[in-house]
Amino acid sequence: MAIDPVRVVLVPKDADADTAAARQIVLDLRLDTEKGSSNGPFPAFGRIGDFRKPETLFPFTLMMDGRLDMGAHASDAQRQDKLDIRGATLEVGGDVPLISGDASEPFVIQSITRLLD
């Protein structure tokens, strides 16, 4: 089994360029190259937002169950948001839902970049 560390960038589906940049999700994962999916179930680290707009930046930990833990300053409701990427096929253009309560918003994988070992 080959495992590659990768950086995955997701953007809201059908968003304009400014919205996509301000809400992009950047996440470092381990890719099982045989299965084409994330090799977990470890916590992974990432951020939401655009580095050019610090007010949009929110670091998070992706927990084993898919919850986005944004730390002590997040509300209880925000701590229940889930990014359903653990079982998703990791490929550019693939859909990954962000689930917030009863609502689901589609995000699209914009890029997957192999990180150095």
N, C-alpha and C. Protein backbone atom coordinates (compact mmCIF):
# COMPACT_ATOMS: atom_id res chain seq x y z
N MET A 1 0.86 -1.18 0.00
CA MET A 1 0.00 0.00 0.00
C MET A 1 0.90 1.23 0.00
N ALA A 2 0.67 2.13 -0.94
CA ALA A 2 1.44 3.37 -1.03
C ALA A 2 0.64 4.51 -0.40
N ILE A 3 1.28 5.22 0.49
CA ILE A 3 0.65 6.36 1.17
C ILE A 3 1.44 7.61 0.83
N ASP A 4 0.75 8.63 0.30
CA ASP A 4 1.39 9.90 -0.02
C ASP A 4 0.78 11.01 0.83
N PRO A 5 1.62 11.83 1.48
CA PRO A 5 1.08 13.01 2.14
C PRO A 5 0.69 14.04 1.07
N VAL A 6 -0.52 14.57 1.17
CA VAL A 6 -1.01 15.51 0.17
C VAL A 6 -1.69 16.71 0.83
N ARG A 7 -1.72 17.80 0.10
CA ARG A 7 -2.49 18.99 0.49
C ARG A 7 -3.67 19.08 -0.47
N VAL A 8 -4.89 19.09 0.11
CA VAL A 8 -6.11 19.14 -0.68
C VAL A 8 -6.72 20.53 -0.50
N VAL A 9 -7.07 21.18 -1.62
CA VAL A 9 -7.73 22.48 -1.59
C VAL A 9 -9.14 22.30 -2.15
N LEU A 10 -10.13 22.71 -1.35
CA LEU A 10 -11.54 22.63 -1.76
C LEU A 10 -12.13 24.02 -1.79
N VAL A 11 -13.05 24.25 -2.71
CA VAL A 11 -13.76 25.53 -2.80
C VAL A 11 -15.25 25.25 -2.92
N PRO A 12 -16.09 26.21 -2.49
CA PRO A 12 -17.53 26.02 -2.64
C PRO A 12 -17.88 25.85 -4.12
N LYS A 13 -18.74 24.89 -4.40
CA LYS A 13 -19.15 24.62 -5.77
C LYS A 13 -19.89 25.83 -6.35
N ASP A 14 -19.56 26.21 -7.56
CA ASP A 14 -20.21 27.29 -8.31
C ASP A 14 -20.05 28.66 -7.65
N ALA A 15 -19.03 28.86 -6.79
CA ALA A 15 -18.81 30.16 -6.15
C ALA A 15 -18.00 31.05 -7.08
N ASP A 16 -18.21 32.38 -6.96
CA ASP A 16 -17.37 33.31 -7.73
C ASP A 16 -15.97 33.32 -7.11
N ALA A 17 -15.02 33.91 -7.79
CA ALA A 17 -13.61 33.85 -7.38
C ALA A 17 -13.37 34.40 -5.97
N ASP A 18 -14.00 35.54 -5.63
CA ASP A 18 -13.79 36.12 -4.30
C ASP A 18 -14.36 35.23 -3.20
N THR A 19 -15.56 34.73 -3.40
CA THR A 19 -16.19 33.85 -2.41
C THR A 19 -15.40 32.56 -2.28
N ALA A 20 -14.97 32.00 -3.40
CA ALA A 20 -14.20 30.76 -3.38
C ALA A 20 -12.91 30.93 -2.58
N ALA A 21 -12.20 32.04 -2.79
CA ALA A 21 -10.95 32.28 -2.07
C ALA A 21 -11.19 32.47 -0.58
N ALA A 22 -12.22 33.24 -0.22
CA ALA A 22 -12.49 33.54 1.19
C ALA A 22 -12.99 32.33 1.96
N ARG A 23 -13.54 31.33 1.25
CA ARG A 23 -14.10 30.16 1.93
C ARG A 23 -13.37 28.86 1.57
N GLN A 24 -12.23 28.97 0.90
CA GLN A 24 -11.51 27.75 0.52
C GLN A 24 -11.07 26.99 1.76
N ILE A 25 -11.04 25.67 1.63
CA ILE A 25 -10.59 24.80 2.71
C ILE A 25 -9.29 24.16 2.24
N VAL A 26 -8.25 24.28 3.05
CA VAL A 26 -6.95 23.68 2.76
C VAL A 26 -6.69 22.67 3.87
N LEU A 27 -6.39 21.44 3.48
CA LEU A 27 -6.31 20.34 4.44
C LEU A 27 -5.17 19.41 4.04
N ASP A 28 -4.33 19.04 5.00
CA ASP A 28 -3.25 18.08 4.76
C ASP A 28 -3.72 16.70 5.19
N LEU A 29 -3.64 15.75 4.25
CA LEU A 29 -4.11 14.38 4.49
C LEU A 29 -3.07 13.38 4.02
N ARG A 30 -3.32 12.12 4.31
CA ARG A 30 -2.54 11.03 3.75
C ARG A 30 -3.42 10.33 2.73
N LEU A 31 -2.92 10.19 1.51
CA LEU A 31 -3.66 9.59 0.41
C LEU A 31 -3.21 8.15 0.21
N ASP A 32 -4.15 7.22 0.29
CA ASP A 32 -3.90 5.83 -0.06
C ASP A 32 -4.01 5.77 -1.58
N THR A 33 -2.88 5.66 -2.26
CA THR A 33 -2.88 5.75 -3.72
C THR A 33 -3.57 4.57 -4.39
N GLU A 34 -3.68 3.43 -3.71
CA GLU A 34 -4.37 2.29 -4.29
C GLU A 34 -5.89 2.47 -4.23
N LYS A 35 -6.39 3.03 -3.13
CA LYS A 35 -7.83 3.22 -2.97
C LYS A 35 -8.29 4.58 -3.48
N GLY A 36 -7.37 5.55 -3.54
CA GLY A 36 -7.72 6.90 -3.99
C GLY A 36 -8.45 7.71 -2.95
N SER A 37 -8.34 7.30 -1.67
CA SER A 37 -9.04 8.02 -0.60
C SER A 37 -8.08 8.31 0.54
N SER A 38 -8.57 9.08 1.50
CA SER A 38 -7.78 9.46 2.67
C SER A 38 -7.49 8.23 3.50
N ASN A 39 -6.26 8.12 3.96
CA ASN A 39 -5.87 7.04 4.85
C ASN A 39 -5.89 7.61 6.25
N GLY A 40 -6.94 7.37 7.00
CA GLY A 40 -7.10 7.89 8.36
C GLY A 40 -7.04 6.76 9.34
N PRO A 41 -7.68 6.82 10.43
CA PRO A 41 -8.57 7.86 10.95
C PRO A 41 -7.87 8.78 11.94
N PHE A 42 -6.81 9.41 11.56
CA PHE A 42 -6.06 10.33 12.41
C PHE A 42 -6.65 11.73 12.31
N PRO A 43 -6.41 12.58 13.32
CA PRO A 43 -6.81 13.99 13.14
C PRO A 43 -5.92 14.63 12.06
N ALA A 44 -6.51 15.50 11.27
CA ALA A 44 -5.77 16.22 10.23
C ALA A 44 -5.94 17.71 10.49
N PHE A 45 -5.02 18.50 9.99
CA PHE A 45 -5.04 19.93 10.27
C PHE A 45 -5.24 20.72 8.99
N GLY A 46 -5.96 21.83 9.10
CA GLY A 46 -6.21 22.66 7.94
C GLY A 46 -6.65 24.05 8.32
N ARG A 47 -7.12 24.78 7.30
CA ARG A 47 -7.63 26.13 7.53
C ARG A 47 -8.73 26.42 6.52
N ILE A 48 -9.60 27.32 6.91
CA ILE A 48 -10.61 27.86 6.01
C ILE A 48 -10.25 29.32 5.81
N GLY A 49 -10.31 29.80 4.57
CA GLY A 49 -10.08 31.22 4.33
C GLY A 49 -8.96 31.51 3.36
N ASP A 50 -8.70 32.79 3.21
CA ASP A 50 -7.75 33.33 2.24
C ASP A 50 -6.65 34.06 2.99
N PHE A 51 -5.38 33.69 2.75
CA PHE A 51 -4.26 34.35 3.43
C PHE A 51 -4.19 35.84 3.13
N ARG A 52 -4.74 36.27 1.99
CA ARG A 52 -4.73 37.69 1.65
C ARG A 52 -5.77 38.48 2.44
N LYS A 53 -6.68 37.76 3.11
CA LYS A 53 -7.73 38.38 3.92
C LYS A 53 -7.75 37.71 5.29
N PRO A 54 -6.88 38.17 6.21
CA PRO A 54 -6.75 37.51 7.51
C PRO A 54 -8.07 37.36 8.28
N GLU A 55 -9.03 38.26 8.04
CA GLU A 55 -10.30 38.17 8.76
C GLU A 55 -11.10 36.94 8.34
N THR A 56 -10.72 36.28 7.23
CA THR A 56 -11.43 35.08 6.78
C THR A 56 -10.77 33.79 7.27
N LEU A 57 -9.60 33.88 7.89
CA LEU A 57 -8.82 32.68 8.25
C LEU A 57 -9.30 32.05 9.55
N PHE A 58 -9.54 30.74 9.48
CA PHE A 58 -9.93 29.96 10.66
C PHE A 58 -9.21 28.62 10.60
N PRO A 59 -8.25 28.38 11.50
CA PRO A 59 -7.60 27.06 11.54
C PRO A 59 -8.56 26.04 12.17
N PHE A 60 -8.38 24.77 11.81
CA PHE A 60 -9.22 23.73 12.40
C PHE A 60 -8.46 22.41 12.43
N THR A 61 -9.01 21.49 13.21
CA THR A 61 -8.57 20.10 13.22
C THR A 61 -9.73 19.28 12.70
N LEU A 62 -9.47 18.46 11.70
CA LEU A 62 -10.47 17.53 11.20
C LEU A 62 -10.39 16.28 12.07
N MET A 63 -11.43 16.07 12.85
CA MET A 63 -11.44 14.94 13.78
C MET A 63 -11.71 13.64 13.02
N MET A 64 -11.53 12.51 13.72
CA MET A 64 -11.68 11.21 13.09
C MET A 64 -13.08 10.99 12.51
N ASP A 65 -14.10 11.62 13.11
CA ASP A 65 -15.48 11.43 12.64
C ASP A 65 -15.89 12.48 11.60
N GLY A 66 -14.94 13.32 11.16
CA GLY A 66 -15.22 14.32 10.14
C GLY A 66 -15.58 15.69 10.68
N ARG A 67 -15.74 15.82 12.01
CA ARG A 67 -16.08 17.13 12.57
C ARG A 67 -14.91 18.10 12.41
N LEU A 68 -15.25 19.37 12.16
CA LEU A 68 -14.26 20.44 12.09
C LEU A 68 -14.18 21.09 13.46
N ASP A 69 -13.10 20.87 14.18
CA ASP A 69 -12.93 21.48 15.49
C ASP A 69 -12.15 22.77 15.32
N MET A 70 -12.85 23.91 15.49
CA MET A 70 -12.23 25.21 15.30
C MET A 70 -11.77 25.83 16.61
N GLY A 71 -11.69 25.03 17.66
CA GLY A 71 -11.11 25.49 18.90
C GLY A 71 -12.08 26.15 19.85
N ALA A 72 -11.52 26.78 20.85
CA ALA A 72 -12.28 27.33 21.98
C ALA A 72 -13.21 28.46 21.59
N HIS A 73 -12.93 29.17 20.51
CA HIS A 73 -13.75 30.32 20.14
C HIS A 73 -14.94 29.96 19.27
N ALA A 74 -15.06 28.69 18.89
CA ALA A 74 -16.20 28.25 18.07
C ALA A 74 -17.41 27.99 18.96
N SER A 75 -18.59 28.19 18.40
CA SER A 75 -19.82 27.88 19.13
C SER A 75 -20.03 26.37 19.13
N ASP A 76 -20.92 25.89 19.99
CA ASP A 76 -21.22 24.46 20.02
C ASP A 76 -21.74 23.99 18.67
N ALA A 77 -22.57 24.81 18.02
CA ALA A 77 -23.12 24.44 16.71
C ALA A 77 -22.00 24.32 15.68
N GLN A 78 -21.03 25.25 15.69
CA GLN A 78 -19.91 25.19 14.73
C GLN A 78 -19.06 23.94 14.95
N ARG A 79 -18.97 23.48 16.17
CA ARG A 79 -18.17 22.29 16.46
C ARG A 79 -18.81 21.02 15.91
N GLN A 80 -20.04 21.10 15.45
CA GLN A 80 -20.74 19.94 14.88
C GLN A 80 -20.65 19.90 13.36
N ASP A 81 -20.09 20.95 12.73
CA ASP A 81 -19.93 20.95 11.28
C ASP A 81 -19.02 19.78 10.88
N LYS A 82 -19.37 19.11 9.78
CA LYS A 82 -18.58 17.97 9.30
C LYS A 82 -18.20 18.16 7.84
N LEU A 83 -16.98 17.78 7.54
CA LEU A 83 -16.51 17.73 6.16
C LEU A 83 -16.40 16.26 5.82
N ASP A 84 -17.21 15.81 4.89
CA ASP A 84 -17.32 14.38 4.58
C ASP A 84 -16.24 13.96 3.57
N ILE A 85 -14.96 14.13 3.99
CA ILE A 85 -13.85 13.83 3.08
C ILE A 85 -13.18 12.50 3.38
N ARG A 86 -13.44 11.95 4.55
CA ARG A 86 -12.76 10.71 4.94
C ARG A 86 -13.00 9.56 3.98
N GLY A 87 -14.22 9.41 3.48
CA GLY A 87 -14.51 8.31 2.58
C GLY A 87 -14.58 8.71 1.12
N ALA A 88 -14.37 9.99 0.86
CA ALA A 88 -14.49 10.49 -0.52
C ALA A 88 -13.28 10.08 -1.36
N THR A 89 -13.53 9.90 -2.64
CA THR A 89 -12.43 9.69 -3.58
C THR A 89 -11.74 11.03 -3.77
N LEU A 90 -10.44 11.05 -3.55
CA LEU A 90 -9.68 12.30 -3.66
C LEU A 90 -9.20 12.46 -5.10
N GLU A 91 -9.95 13.27 -5.85
CA GLU A 91 -9.58 13.57 -7.22
C GLU A 91 -10.04 14.99 -7.53
N VAL A 92 -9.25 15.70 -8.34
CA VAL A 92 -9.60 17.06 -8.73
C VAL A 92 -10.97 17.04 -9.40
N GLY A 93 -11.85 17.95 -8.95
CA GLY A 93 -13.21 18.03 -9.47
C GLY A 93 -14.22 17.23 -8.67
N GLY A 94 -13.74 16.41 -7.73
CA GLY A 94 -14.64 15.60 -6.91
C GLY A 94 -15.41 16.45 -5.91
N ASP A 95 -16.65 16.05 -5.64
CA ASP A 95 -17.50 16.75 -4.67
C ASP A 95 -17.29 16.20 -3.27
N VAL A 96 -17.26 17.12 -2.29
CA VAL A 96 -17.17 16.76 -0.88
C VAL A 96 -18.14 17.67 -0.13
N PRO A 97 -19.15 17.11 0.52
CA PRO A 97 -20.11 17.97 1.22
C PRO A 97 -19.59 18.48 2.57
N LEU A 98 -19.93 19.73 2.86
CA LEU A 98 -19.72 20.32 4.18
C LEU A 98 -21.10 20.34 4.82
N ILE A 99 -21.26 19.61 5.92
CA ILE A 99 -22.56 19.43 6.56
C ILE A 99 -22.62 20.27 7.83
N SER A 100 -23.63 21.12 7.90
CA SER A 100 -23.84 22.00 9.05
C SER A 100 -25.28 21.82 9.50
N GLY A 101 -25.48 21.05 10.56
CA GLY A 101 -26.84 20.75 11.02
C GLY A 101 -27.56 19.93 9.97
N ASP A 102 -28.71 20.43 9.52
CA ASP A 102 -29.49 19.74 8.49
C ASP A 102 -29.12 20.19 7.07
N ALA A 103 -28.25 21.18 6.97
CA ALA A 103 -27.87 21.73 5.66
C ALA A 103 -26.57 21.07 5.17
N SER A 104 -26.49 20.93 3.87
CA SER A 104 -25.28 20.38 3.25
C SER A 104 -24.89 21.30 2.10
N GLU A 105 -23.61 21.69 2.06
CA GLU A 105 -23.12 22.55 0.99
C GLU A 105 -22.03 21.81 0.23
N PRO A 106 -22.15 21.72 -1.10
CA PRO A 106 -21.12 21.01 -1.86
C PRO A 106 -19.86 21.85 -2.04
N PHE A 107 -18.73 21.22 -1.78
CA PHE A 107 -17.42 21.79 -2.08
C PHE A 107 -16.79 20.91 -3.15
N VAL A 108 -15.89 21.50 -3.94
CA VAL A 108 -15.23 20.79 -5.03
C VAL A 108 -13.73 20.79 -4.75
N ILE A 109 -13.09 19.65 -5.00
CA ILE A 109 -11.64 19.58 -4.85
C ILE A 109 -11.01 20.33 -6.01
N GLN A 110 -10.33 21.43 -5.68
CA GLN A 110 -9.70 22.28 -6.69
C GLN A 110 -8.31 21.77 -7.07
N SER A 111 -7.57 21.28 -6.05
CA SER A 111 -6.22 20.77 -6.33
C SER A 111 -5.81 19.78 -5.25
N ILE A 112 -4.90 18.89 -5.66
CA ILE A 112 -4.28 17.94 -4.74
C ILE A 112 -2.78 18.00 -5.05
N THR A 113 -2.01 18.38 -4.05
CA THR A 113 -0.58 18.55 -4.24
C THR A 113 0.16 17.60 -3.32
N ARG A 114 1.07 16.82 -3.88
CA ARG A 114 1.86 15.89 -3.07
C ARG A 114 2.86 16.69 -2.25
N LEU A 115 2.94 16.38 -0.97
CA LEU A 115 3.87 17.05 -0.07
C LEU A 115 5.15 16.22 0.03
N LEU A 116 6.22 16.84 0.43
CA LEU A 116 7.49 16.12 0.59
C LEU A 116 7.37 15.14 1.73
N ASP A 117 8.03 13.99 1.57
CA ASP A 117 8.04 12.97 2.63
C ASP A 117 9.03 13.35 3.70
